N, C-alpha and C. Protein backbone atom coordinates (compact mmCIF):
# COMPACT_ATOMS: atom_id res chain seq x y z
N MET A 1 6.38 -9.65 17.07
CA MET A 1 6.78 -10.80 17.65
C MET A 1 5.20 -10.88 18.92
N ARG A 2 5.21 -11.75 19.30
CA ARG A 2 4.14 -12.15 20.63
C ARG A 2 4.55 -12.10 21.81
N ILE A 3 3.80 -11.32 22.23
CA ILE A 3 4.55 -10.81 23.58
C ILE A 3 3.56 -11.28 24.82
N ALA A 4 3.69 -11.98 25.84
CA ALA A 4 2.67 -12.09 26.45
C ALA A 4 3.19 -11.26 28.28
N LEU A 5 2.63 -10.26 28.98
CA LEU A 5 2.72 -9.64 29.92
C LEU A 5 2.14 -10.38 31.47
N LEU A 6 2.27 -11.36 32.31
CA LEU A 6 1.80 -11.19 33.09
C LEU A 6 2.42 -10.86 34.03
N GLY A 7 0.77 -10.34 35.06
CA GLY A 7 1.14 -9.18 35.82
C GLY A 7 1.08 -7.88 34.70
N GLY A 8 0.39 -7.71 33.67
CA GLY A 8 0.30 -6.74 33.49
C GLY A 8 -1.08 -5.58 33.89
N THR A 9 -1.58 -5.90 34.52
CA THR A 9 -2.28 -5.20 35.16
C THR A 9 -1.06 -4.24 36.34
N GLY A 10 -0.38 -4.35 36.55
CA GLY A 10 0.77 -3.88 37.54
C GLY A 10 1.39 -2.97 36.35
N ASN A 11 2.01 -2.05 37.15
CA ASN A 11 2.80 -1.00 36.78
C ASN A 11 3.39 -1.01 35.93
N ILE A 12 4.36 -1.73 35.90
CA ILE A 12 5.54 -2.39 34.59
C ILE A 12 4.86 -3.12 33.53
N GLY A 13 4.29 -3.68 33.77
CA GLY A 13 3.51 -4.62 32.49
C GLY A 13 3.04 -3.88 31.90
N GLU A 14 1.96 -2.58 32.68
CA GLU A 14 1.54 -1.40 31.90
C GLU A 14 2.27 -0.73 31.30
N GLY A 15 3.62 -0.22 31.83
CA GLY A 15 4.40 0.49 30.66
C GLY A 15 5.29 -0.21 29.69
N LEU A 16 5.43 -1.57 29.80
CA LEU A 16 6.17 -2.55 28.68
C LEU A 16 4.98 -2.59 27.92
N ALA A 17 3.59 -2.65 28.53
CA ALA A 17 2.48 -2.89 27.08
C ALA A 17 2.05 -1.43 26.22
N LEU A 18 2.41 -0.33 26.60
CA LEU A 18 2.26 0.42 25.77
C LEU A 18 3.45 1.07 25.12
N ARG A 19 4.28 0.82 25.26
CA ARG A 19 5.61 0.91 24.69
C ARG A 19 5.96 0.06 23.88
N TRP A 20 6.00 -1.49 23.43
CA TRP A 20 5.86 -2.17 22.72
C TRP A 20 4.36 -2.76 21.69
N ALA A 21 3.68 -1.95 22.35
CA ALA A 21 2.00 -2.15 21.40
C ALA A 21 2.57 -2.09 20.34
N PRO A 22 3.11 -0.74 19.81
CA PRO A 22 2.87 -0.40 18.33
C PRO A 22 4.02 -0.87 17.88
N ARG A 23 4.66 -1.89 17.97
CA ARG A 23 5.58 -2.38 17.57
C ARG A 23 5.16 -4.29 17.46
N HIS A 24 4.38 -4.67 18.51
CA HIS A 24 4.33 -6.32 18.50
C HIS A 24 3.07 -6.31 18.91
N ASP A 25 2.67 -7.90 18.88
CA ASP A 25 1.37 -8.54 19.34
C ASP A 25 1.82 -8.62 20.79
N VAL A 26 0.77 -7.52 21.55
CA VAL A 26 1.23 -7.25 23.06
C VAL A 26 -0.05 -8.27 23.88
N VAL A 27 0.21 -9.02 24.05
CA VAL A 27 -1.23 -9.42 25.45
C VAL A 27 -0.63 -9.68 27.15
N ILE A 28 -2.39 -9.14 27.48
CA ILE A 28 -1.95 -8.91 29.05
C ILE A 28 -2.65 -9.85 29.58
N GLY A 29 -1.27 -10.66 30.15
CA GLY A 29 -2.16 -11.97 31.17
C GLY A 29 -2.57 -11.39 32.96
N SER A 30 -3.49 -11.85 33.34
CA SER A 30 -3.88 -11.60 34.78
C SER A 30 -4.99 -13.24 35.34
N ARG A 31 -5.04 -13.34 36.47
CA ARG A 31 -5.31 -14.48 37.12
C ARG A 31 -7.30 -13.92 37.16
N SER A 32 -7.00 -12.90 36.57
CA SER A 32 -8.72 -12.55 36.09
C SER A 32 -8.26 -12.27 35.12
N ALA A 33 -9.37 -13.06 34.02
CA ALA A 33 -9.39 -12.46 32.55
C ALA A 33 -10.54 -11.04 32.45
N GLU A 34 -11.33 -10.56 33.43
CA GLU A 34 -11.50 -9.31 33.21
C GLU A 34 -10.84 -8.26 33.66
N LYS A 35 -10.21 -8.22 34.63
CA LYS A 35 -8.84 -7.16 34.63
C LYS A 35 -8.06 -7.26 33.60
N ALA A 36 -7.40 -8.14 33.01
CA ALA A 36 -6.43 -8.33 32.02
C ALA A 36 -7.64 -7.07 30.23
N ALA A 37 -8.69 -8.13 30.85
CA ALA A 37 -9.16 -6.98 29.28
C ALA A 37 -9.38 -5.51 29.42
N GLU A 38 -9.75 -5.17 30.89
CA GLU A 38 -9.78 -4.46 31.11
C GLU A 38 -8.49 -2.86 30.68
N ALA A 39 -7.24 -3.62 31.66
CA ALA A 39 -6.00 -3.23 31.32
C ALA A 39 -5.37 -3.30 29.34
N ALA A 40 -5.86 -4.16 29.40
CA ALA A 40 -5.81 -3.90 27.72
C ALA A 40 -6.41 -2.91 26.92
N LEU A 41 -7.94 -2.88 27.26
CA LEU A 41 -8.67 -1.39 27.02
C LEU A 41 -8.36 -0.22 27.38
N TYR A 42 -7.99 -0.34 28.23
CA TYR A 42 -7.05 1.15 28.68
C TYR A 42 -5.90 1.46 27.91
N CYS A 43 -5.05 0.77 28.00
CA CYS A 43 -3.77 1.27 27.13
C CYS A 43 -4.13 1.25 25.80
N VAL A 44 -5.16 0.80 24.98
CA VAL A 44 -5.30 0.91 23.54
C VAL A 44 -5.71 2.15 23.72
N GLU A 45 -6.70 2.79 24.44
CA GLU A 45 -7.16 3.99 24.57
C GLU A 45 -6.54 4.65 24.91
N ARG A 46 -5.55 4.83 25.82
CA ARG A 46 -3.96 5.63 25.61
C ARG A 46 -3.46 5.76 24.70
N LEU A 47 -3.19 4.70 23.90
CA LEU A 47 -2.11 4.42 22.87
C LEU A 47 -2.94 5.87 21.39
N SER A 48 -4.05 5.13 21.83
CA SER A 48 -4.85 5.79 20.26
C SER A 48 -5.26 7.50 20.35
N GLN A 49 -5.28 7.82 21.44
CA GLN A 49 -5.10 9.21 22.37
C GLN A 49 -3.43 9.98 21.69
N GLU A 50 -2.51 8.87 21.52
CA GLU A 50 -1.26 9.01 20.99
C GLU A 50 -1.07 9.59 19.59
N GLY A 51 -2.23 8.84 18.99
CA GLY A 51 -1.79 8.76 17.20
C GLY A 51 -1.58 7.08 16.95
N PHE A 52 -1.73 5.94 18.42
CA PHE A 52 -0.85 4.91 17.87
C PHE A 52 -1.75 3.99 17.44
N THR A 53 -1.70 3.17 16.72
CA THR A 53 -2.77 1.96 16.49
C THR A 53 -2.24 0.44 17.07
N CYS A 54 -2.56 -0.51 17.24
CA CYS A 54 -1.69 -1.53 18.18
C CYS A 54 -2.36 -3.15 17.92
N GLU A 55 -2.42 -3.97 18.19
CA GLU A 55 -2.39 -4.83 18.78
C GLU A 55 -2.27 -5.18 20.01
N LEU A 56 -3.33 -5.36 21.03
CA LEU A 56 -3.69 -5.40 22.45
C LEU A 56 -4.84 -5.97 23.12
N SER A 57 -4.55 -6.80 23.55
CA SER A 57 -5.59 -8.31 24.02
C SER A 57 -5.53 -8.42 25.91
N GLY A 58 -6.42 -8.46 26.38
CA GLY A 58 -6.24 -9.09 27.44
C GLY A 58 -6.89 -10.51 27.78
N GLU A 59 -6.13 -11.56 28.47
CA GLU A 59 -6.44 -12.60 28.99
C GLU A 59 -6.18 -13.52 30.16
N GLU A 60 -6.67 -14.27 30.64
CA GLU A 60 -6.52 -14.94 31.52
C GLU A 60 -4.67 -15.66 31.55
N ASN A 61 -4.14 -15.73 32.64
CA ASN A 61 -2.54 -16.27 31.84
C ASN A 61 -2.75 -17.16 31.76
N ILE A 62 -3.28 -18.29 31.42
CA ILE A 62 -2.72 -19.38 30.56
C ILE A 62 -3.34 -19.25 29.18
N GLN A 63 -4.73 -18.52 28.97
CA GLN A 63 -4.30 -18.21 27.56
C GLN A 63 -3.70 -17.33 27.27
N ALA A 64 -3.22 -16.12 27.88
CA ALA A 64 -2.43 -15.41 27.08
C ALA A 64 -1.18 -15.40 26.95
N ILE A 65 -0.87 -16.86 27.11
CA ILE A 65 0.80 -17.02 27.02
C ILE A 65 0.76 -18.43 26.01
N ALA A 66 -0.68 -18.05 25.48
CA ALA A 66 -0.42 -19.39 23.99
C ALA A 66 0.15 -18.78 22.95
N GLU A 67 1.05 -20.07 22.20
CA GLU A 67 1.33 -18.86 21.15
C GLU A 67 2.21 -17.92 21.46
N CYS A 68 2.91 -17.67 22.53
CA CYS A 68 3.72 -16.83 22.11
C CYS A 68 5.30 -16.67 22.27
N ASP A 69 5.68 -16.06 21.82
CA ASP A 69 7.58 -15.75 22.22
C ASP A 69 8.05 -15.63 22.52
N VAL A 70 7.84 -14.74 23.84
CA VAL A 70 8.06 -14.00 24.99
C VAL A 70 7.32 -13.90 25.90
N VAL A 71 7.70 -14.24 26.81
CA VAL A 71 6.41 -14.11 28.34
C VAL A 71 7.26 -13.67 29.58
N VAL A 72 6.59 -12.50 29.93
CA VAL A 72 7.47 -11.39 30.83
C VAL A 72 6.73 -11.98 32.17
N LEU A 73 7.74 -11.64 33.05
CA LEU A 73 7.02 -12.09 34.61
C LEU A 73 6.83 -10.92 35.22
N ALA A 74 5.84 -9.68 34.87
CA ALA A 74 5.83 -8.46 35.41
C ALA A 74 5.00 -8.22 37.16
N LEU A 75 5.63 -9.23 37.62
CA LEU A 75 4.86 -9.68 39.07
C LEU A 75 6.08 -9.50 40.32
N GLN A 76 5.31 -9.32 41.59
CA GLN A 76 6.29 -9.14 42.49
C GLN A 76 6.94 -10.27 42.73
N TYR A 77 7.57 -10.81 43.37
CA TYR A 77 8.71 -11.66 43.86
C TYR A 77 7.43 -13.01 44.45
N GLN A 78 6.62 -12.43 45.37
CA GLN A 78 5.82 -13.87 46.25
C GLN A 78 4.49 -14.20 44.95
N PHE A 79 4.59 -13.31 43.98
CA PHE A 79 3.31 -13.54 43.04
C PHE A 79 4.22 -14.20 41.44
N ALA A 80 5.30 -14.14 41.80
CA ALA A 80 6.02 -14.76 40.39
C ALA A 80 6.23 -15.99 40.42
N ILE A 81 6.89 -16.06 41.33
CA ILE A 81 7.10 -18.24 41.44
C ILE A 81 5.95 -19.11 41.12
N PRO A 82 4.97 -18.45 42.08
CA PRO A 82 3.77 -19.64 42.34
C PRO A 82 3.05 -19.41 40.50
N THR A 83 3.20 -18.40 39.94
CA THR A 83 2.51 -18.17 38.62
C THR A 83 3.21 -18.73 37.67
N ALA A 84 4.61 -19.00 37.90
CA ALA A 84 5.87 -19.76 36.68
C ALA A 84 5.49 -21.05 37.21
N ALA A 85 5.06 -21.25 37.64
CA ALA A 85 4.73 -23.04 38.63
C ALA A 85 3.54 -23.16 37.96
N ALA A 86 2.64 -22.42 37.46
CA ALA A 86 1.02 -22.55 37.13
C ALA A 86 1.42 -22.74 35.37
N ILE A 87 1.98 -21.77 35.00
CA ILE A 87 1.95 -22.02 33.87
C ILE A 87 3.20 -23.14 33.06
N GLU A 88 3.85 -23.47 34.13
CA GLU A 88 4.73 -24.52 33.35
C GLU A 88 4.45 -25.45 32.35
N GLY A 89 3.22 -26.37 32.64
CA GLY A 89 2.80 -27.25 31.70
C GLY A 89 2.20 -27.03 30.66
N SER A 90 2.01 -25.34 30.63
CA SER A 90 0.93 -24.61 29.49
C SER A 90 2.25 -23.80 28.29
N LEU A 91 2.77 -23.69 28.90
CA LEU A 91 4.37 -22.58 28.37
C LEU A 91 4.93 -23.19 26.99
N ASN A 92 4.66 -23.08 25.80
CA ASN A 92 5.79 -23.61 24.86
C ASN A 92 7.19 -23.38 25.09
N PRO A 93 7.93 -24.84 24.92
CA PRO A 93 9.28 -24.87 25.27
C PRO A 93 10.56 -23.70 24.44
N HIS A 94 9.80 -23.30 23.61
CA HIS A 94 10.55 -22.36 22.96
C HIS A 94 10.33 -20.61 23.42
N ALA A 95 9.12 -20.43 24.15
CA ALA A 95 9.17 -18.81 24.46
C ALA A 95 10.29 -19.15 25.38
N ILE A 96 10.71 -17.37 25.08
CA ILE A 96 11.73 -16.80 26.42
C ILE A 96 10.77 -16.51 27.08
N VAL A 97 11.07 -16.35 28.72
CA VAL A 97 10.30 -15.82 29.58
C VAL A 97 11.46 -14.88 30.22
N VAL A 98 11.03 -13.64 30.37
CA VAL A 98 11.95 -12.59 30.74
C VAL A 98 11.63 -12.09 32.01
N SER A 99 12.24 -12.02 33.39
CA SER A 99 12.29 -12.00 34.43
C SER A 99 12.65 -10.18 34.92
N PRO A 100 12.11 -9.98 35.31
CA PRO A 100 12.29 -7.97 36.12
C PRO A 100 12.09 -8.92 37.66
N VAL A 101 12.18 -9.35 38.01
CA VAL A 101 11.75 -9.58 39.30
C VAL A 101 12.77 -9.96 40.14
N VAL A 102 12.30 -8.89 42.05
CA VAL A 102 13.19 -8.46 42.50
C VAL A 102 12.66 -8.79 44.03
N PRO A 103 13.46 -10.08 44.47
CA PRO A 103 12.70 -10.19 46.16
C PRO A 103 13.84 -9.34 46.74
N MET A 104 12.76 -8.73 47.97
CA MET A 104 13.01 -7.91 48.64
C MET A 104 11.96 -7.51 49.45
N THR A 105 12.74 -6.71 50.73
CA THR A 105 11.57 -6.90 51.88
C THR A 105 12.06 -5.37 52.68
N LYS A 106 10.97 -4.90 53.27
CA LYS A 106 11.71 -3.48 54.20
C LYS A 106 11.95 -3.25 55.78
N ASP A 107 12.99 -3.80 56.03
CA ASP A 107 13.47 -2.84 57.06
C ASP A 107 13.92 -2.01 57.64
N GLY A 108 13.47 -1.30 57.67
CA GLY A 108 14.19 -0.09 58.02
C GLY A 108 14.37 0.99 56.63
N PHE A 109 14.98 0.16 55.58
CA PHE A 109 14.87 0.41 54.28
C PHE A 109 14.77 -0.59 53.62
N LEU A 110 14.80 -0.42 52.65
CA LEU A 110 14.78 -2.03 51.35
C LEU A 110 16.02 -2.87 51.54
N ARG A 111 16.02 -3.90 51.46
CA ARG A 111 17.12 -4.73 51.22
C ARG A 111 16.65 -5.75 50.21
N TYR A 112 17.84 -6.53 49.41
CA TYR A 112 17.53 -7.43 48.89
C TYR A 112 18.04 -8.48 49.16
N ILE A 113 16.96 -9.96 48.96
CA ILE A 113 16.65 -11.07 50.32
C ILE A 113 16.63 -12.11 48.91
N PRO A 114 17.60 -12.55 48.32
CA PRO A 114 17.16 -13.43 47.25
C PRO A 114 17.26 -14.64 47.63
N PRO A 115 16.12 -15.88 46.87
CA PRO A 115 15.70 -17.27 47.75
C PRO A 115 17.12 -18.21 48.32
N ALA A 116 16.35 -18.80 49.37
CA ALA A 116 17.39 -19.21 50.63
C ALA A 116 18.29 -20.36 49.87
N LYS A 117 17.42 -20.99 47.84
CA LYS A 117 18.22 -21.93 46.98
C LYS A 117 19.01 -21.07 46.27
N TYR A 118 18.61 -20.36 45.83
CA TYR A 118 19.22 -19.68 44.65
C TYR A 118 19.99 -18.42 45.37
N SER A 119 20.97 -17.58 44.34
CA SER A 119 21.37 -16.34 44.14
C SER A 119 20.55 -15.81 43.96
N SER A 120 19.27 -15.41 43.01
CA SER A 120 18.36 -14.80 42.22
C SER A 120 17.21 -15.34 42.22
N ALA A 121 16.33 -14.34 42.15
CA ALA A 121 14.73 -14.82 41.26
C ALA A 121 15.21 -15.46 40.08
N ALA A 122 16.15 -14.78 39.29
CA ALA A 122 16.04 -15.56 37.94
C ALA A 122 16.47 -16.72 37.94
N LEU A 123 17.21 -17.41 38.58
CA LEU A 123 17.76 -18.52 39.11
C LEU A 123 16.89 -19.27 39.46
N GLU A 124 16.15 -19.29 40.26
CA GLU A 124 14.31 -19.72 40.51
C GLU A 124 13.80 -19.42 39.40
N ILE A 125 13.61 -18.93 38.74
CA ILE A 125 12.43 -18.88 38.07
C ILE A 125 12.82 -20.01 36.21
N GLN A 126 14.22 -20.25 36.26
CA GLN A 126 14.46 -20.95 35.66
C GLN A 126 14.50 -22.34 35.90
N ASP A 127 14.81 -22.44 37.51
CA ASP A 127 14.56 -24.18 37.98
C ASP A 127 13.19 -24.03 37.88
N THR A 128 12.05 -23.04 37.79
CA THR A 128 11.23 -23.68 37.80
C THR A 128 9.94 -23.97 36.59
N LEU A 129 11.16 -23.46 35.64
CA LEU A 129 10.72 -23.30 34.14
C LEU A 129 11.92 -24.18 33.29
N PRO A 130 12.13 -25.53 33.78
CA PRO A 130 13.51 -26.11 33.20
C PRO A 130 13.59 -26.31 31.54
N HIS A 131 12.65 -25.94 30.93
CA HIS A 131 12.42 -26.58 29.58
C HIS A 131 12.37 -25.03 28.69
N ASN A 132 12.56 -23.96 28.95
CA ASN A 132 12.63 -22.30 28.58
C ASN A 132 13.77 -21.44 28.91
N GLU A 133 13.99 -20.91 28.08
CA GLU A 133 15.48 -19.73 28.55
C GLU A 133 14.67 -18.69 29.01
N VAL A 134 15.62 -18.25 30.34
CA VAL A 134 14.93 -17.46 31.11
C VAL A 134 16.31 -16.09 31.07
N VAL A 135 16.03 -14.97 30.94
CA VAL A 135 16.49 -13.98 30.71
C VAL A 135 16.02 -12.69 31.68
N SER A 136 16.84 -12.21 32.74
CA SER A 136 16.54 -11.23 33.23
C SER A 136 16.97 -9.80 32.78
N ALA A 137 16.12 -8.95 32.75
CA ALA A 137 15.87 -7.51 31.98
C ALA A 137 14.99 -6.46 33.53
N PHE A 138 15.28 -5.44 33.26
CA PHE A 138 14.42 -3.98 33.76
C PHE A 138 14.32 -4.19 34.63
N HIS A 139 15.44 -4.34 35.81
CA HIS A 139 15.23 -4.28 37.12
C HIS A 139 15.57 -2.94 37.26
N THR A 140 16.29 -2.16 36.50
CA THR A 140 16.49 -0.89 36.86
C THR A 140 15.54 0.67 36.13
N THR A 141 14.64 -0.35 35.54
CA THR A 141 13.84 0.81 34.39
C THR A 141 12.46 0.91 35.30
N PRO A 142 12.16 2.61 35.88
CA PRO A 142 10.69 2.92 36.65
C PRO A 142 9.73 2.84 35.65
N ALA A 143 8.97 2.24 36.56
CA ALA A 143 7.20 1.69 35.60
C ALA A 143 6.85 3.45 35.43
N ALA A 144 6.59 3.68 36.06
CA ALA A 144 6.43 4.99 35.86
C ALA A 144 6.70 6.38 34.79
N ARG A 145 8.05 5.79 34.53
CA ARG A 145 8.34 6.54 33.80
C ARG A 145 7.90 5.79 32.02
N LEU A 146 8.06 4.45 32.47
CA LEU A 146 7.23 3.76 31.02
C LEU A 146 5.91 4.41 30.54
N ILE A 147 5.00 4.71 31.92
CA ILE A 147 3.90 4.62 31.67
C ILE A 147 3.74 6.32 30.80
N ASP A 148 4.03 6.99 30.91
CA ASP A 148 4.26 8.44 30.99
C ASP A 148 5.07 8.30 29.91
N LEU A 149 4.28 8.48 28.47
CA LEU A 149 4.20 8.15 26.98
C LEU A 149 5.55 9.43 26.59
N LYS A 150 5.60 10.42 27.57
CA LYS A 150 6.05 11.89 26.77
C LYS A 150 7.24 11.50 27.33
N ASP A 151 7.73 10.73 28.32
CA ASP A 151 9.29 10.82 28.99
C ASP A 151 9.71 10.13 28.11
N LYS A 152 11.11 10.67 27.26
CA LYS A 152 11.61 10.48 26.25
C LYS A 152 13.07 9.29 26.87
N LEU A 153 12.61 9.00 28.65
CA LEU A 153 13.63 8.00 28.97
C LEU A 153 15.09 8.43 28.89
N GLY A 154 15.58 7.74 28.03
CA GLY A 154 17.46 7.95 27.91
C GLY A 154 18.04 7.24 29.15
N LEU A 155 18.01 5.93 29.55
CA LEU A 155 18.07 5.05 29.94
C LEU A 155 18.69 3.86 29.71
N ASP A 156 19.59 3.06 30.46
CA ASP A 156 20.24 2.07 29.94
C ASP A 156 19.40 0.78 30.95
N VAL A 157 19.31 -0.42 30.46
CA VAL A 157 18.99 -1.95 30.65
C VAL A 157 19.94 -3.17 30.45
N LEU A 158 19.94 -3.23 31.63
CA LEU A 158 21.04 -4.57 31.73
C LEU A 158 20.43 -6.06 31.79
N VAL A 159 20.72 -6.53 31.01
CA VAL A 159 20.26 -8.06 30.58
C VAL A 159 21.41 -9.16 31.02
N CYS A 160 20.88 -10.50 31.75
CA CYS A 160 21.64 -11.33 31.77
C CYS A 160 20.97 -12.26 31.54
N GLY A 161 21.70 -13.42 30.91
CA GLY A 161 21.18 -14.79 30.09
C GLY A 161 22.16 -15.66 29.22
N SER A 162 21.60 -16.90 28.73
CA SER A 162 22.14 -17.30 27.71
C SER A 162 22.19 -16.45 26.28
N GLU A 163 23.42 -16.30 25.34
CA GLU A 163 23.14 -15.56 24.48
C GLU A 163 22.42 -15.25 23.55
N LYS A 164 21.88 -16.14 22.73
CA LYS A 164 20.69 -16.21 21.98
C LYS A 164 19.48 -15.68 22.77
N PRO A 165 18.75 -16.01 23.31
CA PRO A 165 17.78 -15.33 23.88
C PRO A 165 18.12 -13.99 24.43
N LYS A 166 19.46 -13.71 25.14
CA LYS A 166 19.62 -12.84 25.48
C LYS A 166 19.41 -11.62 24.24
N LYS A 167 20.30 -12.09 23.34
CA LYS A 167 20.18 -11.23 22.11
C LYS A 167 18.85 -10.29 21.77
N ILE A 168 17.99 -11.70 21.44
CA ILE A 168 16.58 -11.45 21.21
C ILE A 168 15.61 -10.16 21.79
N VAL A 169 15.88 -10.92 23.66
CA VAL A 169 15.35 -9.52 24.57
C VAL A 169 16.13 -8.16 24.70
N MET A 170 17.03 -8.23 24.15
CA MET A 170 17.69 -6.55 23.30
C MET A 170 17.73 -6.23 22.65
N ALA A 171 16.95 -6.76 21.68
CA ALA A 171 16.37 -6.06 20.53
C ALA A 171 15.07 -5.53 20.81
N LEU A 172 14.38 -6.32 21.72
CA LEU A 172 13.26 -5.68 22.41
C LEU A 172 13.25 -4.51 23.27
N VAL A 173 14.58 -4.56 24.12
CA VAL A 173 14.71 -3.25 24.45
C VAL A 173 14.68 -2.26 23.73
N LYS A 174 15.93 -2.01 22.58
CA LYS A 174 16.02 -0.98 21.50
C LYS A 174 14.81 -0.71 21.12
N ASP A 175 13.33 -1.81 20.88
CA ASP A 175 12.57 -1.49 20.40
C ASP A 175 11.51 -0.36 20.84
N ILE A 176 12.01 -0.34 22.25
CA ILE A 176 11.68 1.40 23.19
C ILE A 176 12.40 1.92 23.14
N GLU A 177 12.22 2.98 22.65
CA GLU A 177 13.05 4.48 22.08
C GLU A 177 12.92 5.12 23.20
N GLY A 178 14.14 5.38 23.79
CA GLY A 178 15.17 5.69 24.66
C GLY A 178 15.85 4.78 25.72
N LEU A 179 15.38 3.27 25.25
CA LEU A 179 16.17 2.35 26.08
C LEU A 179 17.27 1.69 25.53
N THR A 180 18.27 1.57 26.28
CA THR A 180 19.23 1.37 25.74
C THR A 180 20.08 0.04 26.21
N PRO A 181 19.79 -1.70 25.29
CA PRO A 181 20.47 -2.50 26.28
C PRO A 181 21.88 -2.74 26.05
N PHE A 182 22.49 -2.96 27.63
CA PHE A 182 23.75 -3.47 27.94
C PHE A 182 23.73 -5.31 28.37
N ASP A 183 24.52 -5.82 27.21
CA ASP A 183 24.73 -7.23 28.12
C ASP A 183 25.97 -7.59 29.58
N ALA A 184 24.93 -7.61 30.80
CA ALA A 184 25.43 -7.95 31.47
C ALA A 184 26.34 -9.54 32.51
N GLY A 185 26.24 -9.90 31.21
CA GLY A 185 26.44 -11.63 31.53
C GLY A 185 25.71 -12.74 31.26
N PRO A 186 26.34 -13.64 32.03
CA PRO A 186 24.78 -14.77 32.14
C PRO A 186 23.81 -14.97 33.16
N LEU A 187 22.98 -15.76 32.76
CA LEU A 187 22.33 -15.27 34.03
C LEU A 187 22.13 -15.60 35.70
N GLU A 188 23.70 -16.07 36.13
CA GLU A 188 24.09 -16.55 37.28
C GLU A 188 24.37 -15.13 37.42
N ALA A 189 24.99 -14.19 36.58
CA ALA A 189 25.20 -12.94 37.04
C ALA A 189 23.66 -11.64 37.49
N SER A 190 22.61 -12.63 37.47
CA SER A 190 21.38 -11.97 37.88
C SER A 190 21.33 -10.72 39.16
N PHE A 191 22.08 -11.52 39.92
CA PHE A 191 21.54 -11.47 41.87
C PHE A 191 22.43 -9.83 42.00
N MET A 192 23.38 -9.18 40.68
CA MET A 192 23.80 -8.43 41.01
C MET A 192 23.13 -7.63 40.56
N VAL A 193 22.82 -7.45 39.47
CA VAL A 193 21.58 -6.69 38.52
C VAL A 193 20.33 -6.30 39.59
N GLU A 194 19.71 -7.72 40.05
CA GLU A 194 18.07 -7.00 40.81
C GLU A 194 18.97 -6.24 42.44
N SER A 195 19.85 -6.62 42.73
CA SER A 195 20.32 -5.95 43.93
C SER A 195 20.05 -4.51 43.82
N ILE A 196 20.66 -3.67 42.19
CA ILE A 196 20.04 -2.63 42.32
C ILE A 196 19.01 -1.89 42.53
N THR A 197 18.12 -2.45 42.37
CA THR A 197 17.01 -2.02 42.07
C THR A 197 16.80 -1.57 43.87
N PRO A 198 16.42 -2.23 45.19
CA PRO A 198 16.57 -1.68 46.12
C PRO A 198 17.43 -0.56 46.43
N LEU A 199 18.60 -1.09 46.28
CA LEU A 199 19.82 0.67 46.16
C LEU A 199 19.19 1.60 45.77
N LEU A 200 18.70 1.83 44.43
CA LEU A 200 17.65 2.92 43.75
C LEU A 200 16.76 3.21 44.31
N ILE A 201 15.87 2.58 44.89
CA ILE A 201 14.50 3.01 45.86
C ILE A 201 15.16 3.72 47.03
N ASN A 202 15.82 3.38 47.76
CA ASN A 202 16.73 3.62 48.99
C ASN A 202 17.30 5.17 48.90
N ILE A 203 17.60 4.67 47.71
CA ILE A 203 19.14 6.02 47.15
C ILE A 203 17.82 7.35 46.86
N SER A 204 16.83 7.27 46.35
CA SER A 204 15.59 8.38 46.16
C SER A 204 14.54 8.60 47.11
N ALA A 205 14.63 7.66 48.00
CA ALA A 205 13.99 8.05 49.43
C ALA A 205 14.91 9.03 50.31
N ARG A 206 15.71 8.99 50.16
CA ARG A 206 16.99 9.55 51.64
C ARG A 206 17.23 10.60 50.77
N ASN A 207 17.19 10.92 49.04
CA ASN A 207 17.75 11.87 48.69
C ASN A 207 16.34 12.75 47.89
N GLN A 208 15.41 12.73 48.86
CA GLN A 208 13.93 13.56 47.59
C GLN A 208 13.80 13.47 46.38
N MET A 209 14.08 12.18 45.70
CA MET A 209 13.97 11.94 44.53
C MET A 209 12.92 11.10 43.83
N LYS A 210 12.58 10.85 42.79
CA LYS A 210 11.81 10.14 42.47
C LYS A 210 12.20 9.37 41.06
N ASP A 211 11.55 7.68 40.64
CA ASP A 211 11.81 7.29 39.67
C ASP A 211 13.47 7.12 38.83
N SER A 212 14.39 7.24 39.86
CA SER A 212 16.05 7.11 39.68
C SER A 212 16.10 5.41 38.99
N SER A 213 17.19 5.71 38.00
CA SER A 213 17.26 5.03 37.21
C SER A 213 19.24 4.95 37.01
N ILE A 214 19.32 4.15 35.79
CA ILE A 214 21.33 3.91 35.90
C ILE A 214 21.39 4.40 34.70
N ARG A 215 23.02 4.77 34.35
CA ARG A 215 23.07 5.03 33.20
C ARG A 215 24.39 4.34 32.56
N ILE A 216 24.53 3.80 32.02
CA ILE A 216 26.27 3.23 31.86
C ILE A 216 27.61 4.11 30.96
N ILE A 217 28.58 4.85 31.87
CA ILE A 217 28.82 5.49 30.80
C ILE A 217 30.47 4.88 30.83
N GLY A 218 30.91 5.25 29.53
CA GLY A 218 32.25 4.60 29.67
C GLY A 218 33.02 4.88 28.46
N GLN A 219 34.20 4.55 27.91
CA GLN A 219 34.87 4.45 26.41
C GLN A 219 34.61 3.00 25.81
N ARG A 220 34.36 3.10 25.03
CA ARG A 220 34.39 1.68 23.60
C ARG A 220 35.69 1.46 23.23
N ILE A 221 35.71 0.42 23.34
CA ILE A 221 37.26 0.05 23.02
C ILE A 221 37.42 -0.87 21.75
N GLY A 222 38.04 0.11 20.72
CA GLY A 222 38.21 -0.36 19.24
C GLY A 222 36.79 0.08 18.62
């Protein structure tokens, strides 16, 4: 698949680029084409050192989304919404948009602050991109662990959205060795998953931990 990572010059974008590029055609997007190209070159060199060859390039955001099957808004909340609005007229309506976006603020500790008009960032992005299917995922996946290619991960990823696009994103999660996707419901359930991110960061800070995540433990029925 062709995957655009908008905000691919940041940590979560870099981590996803490194993990997906050996299997997919990945484009790193940024407001600066130069920064995107530099980030892509860095990822190619990292992967080459590990013995991987890949299709990985960097472009300005509008060029990056051209002909993409999946677009990931790997951005902080304050940048994700304006970026979504900026690409709305250029985005292929068949492209799936993935949101790992979490609106939060620090007031003694990190707090989850969903947008006033919506219950989650994912629903706001869906409203901003009405012609595309939005799926939320990767909220509890530490960027630093994705970037460390020697990390075997062993983490679970909660995915929310409509059934068909959700299945596609869950398959992409499985393409990252060490990640297991779990169906967490429709897009409307995203607020519950988004709120786990600041909780994990707060737990890490108070318990001298780093890069904490989640595992789903239970017995399969049937």
